Structures are given as structure tokens and as C-alpha cells.
Amino acid sequence: MTSTARTADFSEHTSFKPGRASKRNFALASMLAVAGALTLSSCTTADTSNDMMRVERAQGSEQNIASLSAVISANPSDPEGYNVRGSAYGRAGEFRRALADFNKAIELNPRFYQAYANRALVERNMGDQSAAQSDYNMALQLNPRYDVAFIGRGNLYRQAGQLDQAFADFNKAIELDTTDPRAYHNRGLIYQARKQHAQAIEDFSTAISLSPSAPEPYNGRGISYVATNDDDNAFADFNTAINLNGKIAESWANQALVYERRGDKAKAAKSYGHALSLDSKYEPARAGLARVKTAG
């Protein structure tokens, strides 16, 4: 049987880094703006990772952006203000406004390495991979120990199929003691592509320990469990991914694969069908559904 298991990309997870405020009053205003937006969201759990996810979403809210704009008006020559608001625009998906703010931050402070890395992420989202790589390179030239830039550039390499260069960048971030789960998750994907599943499982497990509420590392680890015929642990991981976010087609298709391997065609068909309802163009689910229907 051909495996259809796949994992969602984790490359953009909590990527924007505002950096350190250059003025105390701006830092205070930024924290107050985030706190104000945070109170608008419902608190359903005391888990720290979920709290952080709510902060991430709050930073892209209209209320927070308005507060940041007011701070910029009061401090128009402070590059940190534009960098923080650019990060907020980036989280809101307003990439052109984010780009303009990062450009202004760099104009005011050409050595602002966090702004270069943030601008690179926007450029990636806008499809300008060459500009993104140049900005990651500049961030690392200014700060050779900036793990965020190694991870971002590593993802550029990985998505371009340059796995050796990507692996080297993720390794460097990990050597710098990064606490960013993407470094481990994406290195795990490379181990997986190289069929080094024991190492992949270890890296996905580390990513999970750093970001237990993210579904992608569970999918990644589950795929390597499938490859080593550990269907029970794979099934547990795919179910956890679904419980964390039930709107990811890959998770349902991965769950369906385990049902299929167990010979439960009816449940496999149901899960493949649900994956297609979430993403009608998701080919592994379409192929899987065809297989189980033919076998039935």
C-alpha cells in the first residue's frame, strides 16, 4: 500500500519577532495594547501555550494596530514602533502595510536585524523569495546568532528543495539553543525525507514539547510512526492533531490511512471524505477514498 500520510507546513508558526523596544514608553504602550486586546478573547484554559497563541492573535487585532499607530504618532522617529506595528500587520495578513513599516524601521535603523528578518517573512508570503533570502542574509550578517533568521532561511531552502542547506541552517539554530519549535519540526521533515525516522521522531517530539498545542508536529511524528509500522502511536498522534485543530485535511487523511491499514474501510472512507470536505483538492485524501471504495 502506498502511504498517503502527510503533515502540514509549520514554517510560519509564530514567526514575527518585534525585537526589543528602544524606548521605555513605547515598550509600555505596546504591552498595554496587547494586554487590552487580550482581554477581549475568551479564556478557556490555563495552558501557557494557548495563552501565547491568544497573544499572537491579539497582536494582529484592529484594536492593537490602532494603539500602535497612536504610539508611532507620538514617536515618529522610533524604528521599534514601525517594526512592532509591521509585525501586527503581518499577523493580520496585511502584508503591504507590514512591508512599508519594516522598510521604515530599516530606514531609521539600518542595523535593525529583527526588522530584516520580519521583512523577509513578509517577502516570502508575497512570493519574493530572492528578496527574502537577501534579508535573512543581512539579518545574519548583523547578528550571526539570530536563530529566527536561520530558521526562516532554512525554510526558504527546504521549500526550494535545497535540503542540505536547509538542514545546516536548522542545525545552526538548534546549536544556538533555540526554543523555537519550527527548527526541530522542519529538521524532522528533512530526516523524514531521508527516511531517518528515529531521528525524525525525536525532533518532532522536541517540537511538541516546545509547542504542545500545535497540530503539525503530531502529524509529522505520526507519519514517521507509520513508516516504522507503529500504527498505534501514529493513530494517537493523528487523533491529537485532529483534537487540536479539526479543520486540517491532512490530519483526517492521515487518520484514515491508519484505519485503512487496519482494514476498517468504512471508517477510512469516512475520514478520507471528511478530509475532502475540508480541502476538495487534497489529492492524498482523494486517492485514499478511491482505494477504499474499490477495495470495498
Protein backbone atom coordinates (compact mmCIF):
# COMPACT_ATOMS: atom_id res chain seq x y z
CA MET A 1 0.00 0.00 0.00
CA THR A 2 1.28 3.46 -0.89
CA SER A 3 1.32 5.76 2.12
CA THR A 4 -0.68 8.95 1.75
CA ALA A 5 0.23 10.39 5.13
CA ARG A 6 1.37 13.98 5.08
CA THR A 7 1.97 16.80 7.51
CA ALA A 8 1.02 20.45 7.31
CA ASP A 9 3.72 23.08 6.92
CA PHE A 10 4.81 24.56 10.23
CA SER A 11 7.16 27.13 8.74
CA GLU A 12 5.19 30.26 9.57
CA HIS A 13 4.31 29.42 13.15
CA THR A 14 4.75 32.48 15.45
CA SER A 15 7.42 33.88 13.18
CA PHE A 16 7.28 37.65 13.57
CA LYS A 17 9.70 38.93 16.21
CA PRO A 18 9.10 42.51 17.31
CA GLY A 19 12.54 42.83 18.95
CA ARG A 20 13.49 44.94 21.94
CA ALA A 21 11.89 48.35 22.37
CA SER A 22 14.30 51.25 22.09
CA LYS A 23 12.22 53.49 24.35
CA ARG A 24 10.61 52.53 27.62
CA ASN A 25 7.39 54.41 26.88
CA PHE A 26 6.97 52.56 23.59
CA ALA A 27 7.55 49.18 25.25
CA LEU A 28 4.96 50.00 27.90
CA ALA A 29 2.42 51.17 25.33
CA SER A 30 2.96 48.04 23.26
CA MET A 31 2.42 45.77 26.23
CA LEU A 32 -0.70 47.67 27.21
CA ALA A 33 -2.05 47.44 23.67
CA VAL A 34 -1.54 43.67 23.60
CA ALA A 35 -2.99 43.26 27.08
CA GLY A 36 -6.02 45.33 26.13
CA ALA A 37 -6.67 43.19 23.07
CA LEU A 38 -6.03 40.01 25.04
CA THR A 39 -8.84 40.74 27.44
CA LEU A 40 -11.29 40.60 24.55
CA SER A 41 -10.59 36.91 23.93
CA SER A 42 -12.25 34.17 25.95
CA CYS A 43 -10.08 32.26 28.39
CA THR A 44 -10.79 28.56 28.08
CA THR A 45 -7.63 27.08 29.58
CA ALA A 46 -4.75 27.97 31.83
CA ASP A 47 -2.23 26.32 29.47
CA THR A 48 0.62 28.76 28.78
CA SER A 49 0.97 27.81 25.12
CA ASN A 50 -2.70 28.61 24.48
CA ASP A 51 -2.29 31.92 26.28
CA MET A 52 0.59 32.73 23.96
CA MET A 53 -1.48 31.81 20.92
CA ARG A 54 -4.15 34.27 22.06
CA VAL A 55 -1.49 36.96 22.44
CA GLU A 56 -0.30 36.24 18.88
CA ARG A 57 -3.83 36.68 17.54
CA ALA A 58 -4.38 39.78 19.68
CA GLN A 59 -1.30 41.46 18.26
CA GLY A 60 -2.93 41.42 14.82
CA SER A 61 -6.23 42.88 16.02
CA GLU A 62 -7.60 46.19 14.79
CA GLN A 63 -7.56 47.50 18.37
CA ASN A 64 -3.90 46.69 18.84
CA ILE A 65 -2.89 48.16 15.47
CA ALA A 66 -4.78 51.36 16.30
CA SER A 67 -2.98 51.59 19.64
CA LEU A 68 0.39 51.05 17.95
CA SER A 69 -0.40 53.72 15.36
CA ALA A 70 -1.09 56.19 18.17
CA VAL A 71 2.28 55.36 19.75
CA ILE A 72 4.03 55.85 16.38
CA SER A 73 2.38 59.26 16.00
CA ALA A 74 3.86 60.23 19.36
CA ASN A 75 7.29 58.77 18.49
CA PRO A 76 7.65 59.02 14.68
CA SER A 77 11.44 58.63 14.68
CA ASP A 78 11.49 55.41 16.74
CA PRO A 79 12.16 52.43 14.41
CA GLU A 80 10.85 49.98 17.00
CA GLY A 81 7.35 51.35 16.64
CA TYR A 82 7.23 50.58 12.94
CA ASN A 83 8.73 47.15 13.50
CA VAL A 84 6.13 46.20 16.11
CA ARG A 85 3.25 47.53 14.04
CA GLY A 86 4.67 45.77 10.99
CA SER A 87 4.58 42.52 12.97
CA ALA A 88 0.95 43.21 13.87
CA TYR A 89 0.08 43.88 10.24
CA GLY A 90 1.87 40.68 9.27
CA ARG A 91 -0.19 38.63 11.72
CA ALA A 92 -3.31 40.27 10.30
CA GLY A 93 -2.29 39.31 6.75
CA GLU A 94 -1.89 42.92 5.64
CA PHE A 95 1.46 42.29 4.00
CA ARG A 96 1.86 45.51 2.01
CA ARG A 97 1.33 47.62 5.13
CA ALA A 98 3.69 45.35 7.04
CA LEU A 99 6.32 45.75 4.32
CA ALA A 100 6.00 49.53 4.44
CA ASP A 101 6.50 49.54 8.21
CA PHE A 102 9.57 47.27 8.08
CA ASN A 103 11.02 49.44 5.30
CA LYS A 104 10.58 52.49 7.53
CA ALA A 105 12.12 50.73 10.54
CA ILE A 106 15.18 49.79 8.48
CA GLU A 107 15.41 53.30 7.02
CA LEU A 108 15.54 54.68 10.57
CA ASN A 109 17.94 51.98 11.80
CA PRO A 110 19.86 50.14 9.04
CA ARG A 111 21.28 47.70 11.64
CA PHE A 112 17.86 46.58 12.92
CA TYR A 113 18.36 42.85 12.28
CA GLN A 114 14.92 41.81 13.61
CA ALA A 115 13.26 44.10 11.08
CA TYR A 116 15.22 42.50 8.24
CA ALA A 117 14.05 39.02 9.31
CA ASN A 118 10.47 40.23 9.70
CA ARG A 119 10.57 41.86 6.27
CA ALA A 120 11.93 38.60 4.85
CA LEU A 121 8.90 36.72 6.15
CA VAL A 122 6.56 39.22 4.51
CA GLU A 123 8.50 38.91 1.26
CA ARG A 124 8.16 35.13 1.45
CA ASN A 125 4.41 35.46 1.86
CA MET A 126 4.31 37.85 -1.10
CA GLY A 127 6.26 35.37 -3.26
CA ASP A 128 9.55 37.29 -3.48
CA GLN A 129 11.89 34.51 -2.35
CA SER A 130 15.06 36.23 -3.62
CA ALA A 131 14.40 39.38 -1.60
CA ALA A 132 13.56 37.25 1.43
CA GLN A 133 16.86 35.39 1.22
CA SER A 134 18.78 38.66 0.91
CA ASP A 135 17.07 39.99 4.03
CA TYR A 136 17.73 36.82 6.02
CA ASN A 137 21.37 37.03 4.94
CA MET A 138 21.53 40.65 6.10
CA ALA A 139 19.95 39.81 9.46
CA LEU A 140 22.59 37.12 9.97
CA GLN A 141 25.37 39.43 8.87
CA LEU A 142 24.26 41.90 11.55
CA ASN A 143 23.68 39.19 14.18
CA PRO A 144 25.28 35.80 13.37
CA ARG A 145 23.50 34.26 16.38
CA TYR A 146 19.94 35.18 15.38
CA ASP A 147 18.12 31.85 15.39
CA VAL A 148 14.95 33.26 13.78
CA ALA A 149 16.86 34.17 10.63
CA PHE A 150 18.48 30.73 10.41
CA ILE A 151 15.04 29.10 10.69
CA GLY A 152 13.49 31.44 8.13
CA ARG A 153 16.30 30.96 5.63
CA GLY A 154 16.24 27.22 6.28
CA ASN A 155 12.58 27.16 5.30
CA LEU A 156 13.39 29.01 2.09
CA TYR A 157 15.98 26.36 1.28
CA ARG A 158 13.68 23.48 2.26
CA GLN A 159 10.80 24.72 0.14
CA ALA A 160 13.22 25.12 -2.81
CA GLY A 161 14.35 21.50 -2.38
CA GLN A 162 17.82 22.50 -1.15
CA LEU A 163 17.70 20.12 1.79
CA ASP A 164 21.41 20.12 2.68
CA GLN A 165 21.45 23.91 3.06
CA ALA A 166 18.17 23.84 4.97
CA PHE A 167 19.46 21.13 7.29
CA ALA A 168 22.58 23.18 8.03
CA ASP A 169 20.51 26.24 8.94
CA PHE A 170 18.16 24.30 11.23
CA ASN A 171 21.17 22.67 12.86
CA LYS A 172 22.72 26.07 13.47
CA ALA A 173 19.55 27.39 15.11
CA ILE A 174 19.44 24.30 17.35
CA GLU A 175 23.14 24.69 18.22
CA LEU A 176 22.25 28.22 19.35
CA ASP A 177 19.80 26.67 21.85
CA THR A 178 16.71 27.98 20.09
CA THR A 179 13.39 27.43 21.80
CA ASP A 180 11.54 27.87 18.50
CA PRO A 181 9.73 24.60 17.70
CA ARG A 182 9.96 25.20 13.95
CA ALA A 183 13.68 24.43 13.95
CA TYR A 184 13.05 20.92 15.28
CA HIS A 185 9.87 20.36 13.27
CA ASN A 186 11.45 21.31 9.97
CA ARG A 187 14.66 19.40 10.65
CA GLY A 188 12.39 16.46 11.43
CA LEU A 189 10.80 16.84 7.99
CA ILE A 190 14.25 16.57 6.42
CA TYR A 191 15.12 13.50 8.48
CA GLN A 192 11.80 12.07 7.34
CA ALA A 193 12.55 12.78 3.68
CA ARG A 194 15.85 10.96 4.19
CA LYS A 195 13.99 8.03 5.79
CA GLN A 196 15.82 8.58 9.09
CA HIS A 197 12.65 8.09 11.08
CA ALA A 198 14.15 7.57 14.53
CA GLN A 199 15.81 10.99 14.33
CA ALA A 200 12.64 12.50 12.86
CA ILE A 201 10.53 11.17 15.74
CA GLU A 202 12.98 12.65 18.25
CA ASP A 203 12.83 16.07 16.58
CA PHE A 204 9.04 16.08 16.29
CA SER A 205 8.84 15.12 19.96
CA THR A 206 11.03 18.08 20.88
CA ALA A 207 8.84 20.38 18.77
CA ILE A 208 5.78 19.05 20.61
CA SER A 209 7.40 19.72 23.98
CA LEU A 210 8.02 23.32 22.90
CA SER A 211 4.58 23.85 21.32
CA PRO A 212 2.15 21.22 22.62
CA SER A 213 -0.90 22.94 21.16
CA ALA A 214 0.36 22.92 17.55
CA PRO A 215 -1.04 20.01 15.47
CA GLU A 216 1.70 19.91 12.82
CA PRO A 217 4.41 18.12 14.85
CA TYR A 218 1.90 15.44 15.86
CA ASN A 219 1.15 14.83 12.19
CA GLY A 220 4.85 14.75 11.41
CA ARG A 221 5.65 12.28 14.19
CA GLY A 222 2.65 10.15 13.25
CA ILE A 223 3.91 9.83 9.70
CA SER A 224 7.26 8.53 10.90
CA TYR A 225 5.45 6.11 13.22
CA VAL A 226 3.52 4.83 10.19
CA ALA A 227 6.79 4.40 8.30
CA THR A 228 8.12 2.24 11.15
CA ASN A 229 4.84 0.24 11.33
CA ASP A 230 3.94 1.68 14.75
CA ASP A 231 0.31 2.26 13.84
CA ASP A 232 -0.93 2.62 17.43
CA ASN A 233 1.32 5.59 18.20
CA ALA A 234 0.64 7.05 14.75
CA PHE A 235 -3.11 6.83 15.34
CA ALA A 236 -2.77 8.54 18.73
CA ASP A 237 -0.77 11.38 17.18
CA PHE A 238 -3.18 11.91 14.28
CA ASN A 239 -6.13 11.95 16.69
CA THR A 240 -4.34 14.51 18.86
CA ALA A 241 -3.74 16.67 15.77
CA ILE A 242 -7.47 16.49 14.97
CA ASN A 243 -8.44 17.35 18.54
CA LEU A 244 -6.16 20.39 18.45
CA ASN A 245 -7.45 21.61 15.09
CA GLY A 246 -10.19 19.69 13.33
CA LYS A 247 -10.01 21.79 10.18
CA ILE A 248 -6.76 20.41 8.74
CA ALA A 249 -7.39 17.99 5.87
CA GLU A 250 -4.02 16.27 6.29
CA SER A 251 -4.86 15.16 9.83
CA TRP A 252 -8.07 13.44 8.75
CA ALA A 253 -6.41 11.80 5.76
CA ASN A 254 -3.59 10.59 7.99
CA GLN A 255 -6.12 9.14 10.45
CA ALA A 256 -7.91 7.48 7.53
CA LEU A 257 -4.68 5.83 6.43
CA VAL A 258 -4.38 4.05 9.77
CA TYR A 259 -7.99 2.88 9.52
CA GLU A 260 -7.17 1.65 6.01
CA ARG A 261 -4.07 -0.21 7.17
CA ARG A 262 -6.20 -1.85 9.88
CA GLY A 263 -8.71 -2.99 7.28
CA ASP A 264 -11.54 -0.76 8.52
CA LYS A 265 -12.64 0.53 5.10
CA ALA A 266 -15.83 2.18 6.35
CA LYS A 267 -14.08 4.39 8.90
CA ALA A 268 -11.27 5.07 6.44
CA ALA A 269 -13.77 6.22 3.83
CA LYS A 270 -15.50 8.48 6.35
CA SER A 271 -12.23 10.16 7.38
CA TYR A 272 -10.99 10.50 3.79
CA GLY A 273 -14.34 12.03 2.91
CA HIS A 274 -14.11 14.48 5.77
CA ALA A 275 -10.62 15.48 4.62
CA LEU A 276 -12.03 16.21 1.15
CA SER A 277 -14.84 18.27 2.65
CA LEU A 278 -12.15 20.47 4.20
CA ASP A 279 -9.99 20.59 1.07
CA SER A 280 -11.58 19.28 -2.11
CA LYS A 281 -8.21 19.42 -3.92
CA TYR A 282 -6.28 17.36 -1.36
CA GLU A 283 -5.07 14.55 -3.58
CA PRO A 284 -3.92 12.04 -0.88
CA ALA A 285 -7.48 12.01 0.51
CA ARG A 286 -8.98 11.64 -2.95
CA ALA A 287 -6.65 8.76 -3.80
CA GLY A 288 -7.25 7.11 -0.43
CA LEU A 289 -11.02 7.33 -0.78
CA ALA A 290 -10.81 5.76 -4.26
CA ARG A 291 -8.72 2.92 -2.86
CA VAL A 292 -11.06 2.01 -0.01
CA LYS A 293 -14.15 2.27 -2.21
CA THR A 294 -12.57 -0.01 -4.80
CA ALA A 295 -11.50 -2.45 -2.10
CA GLY A 296 -14.99 -2.41 -0.60
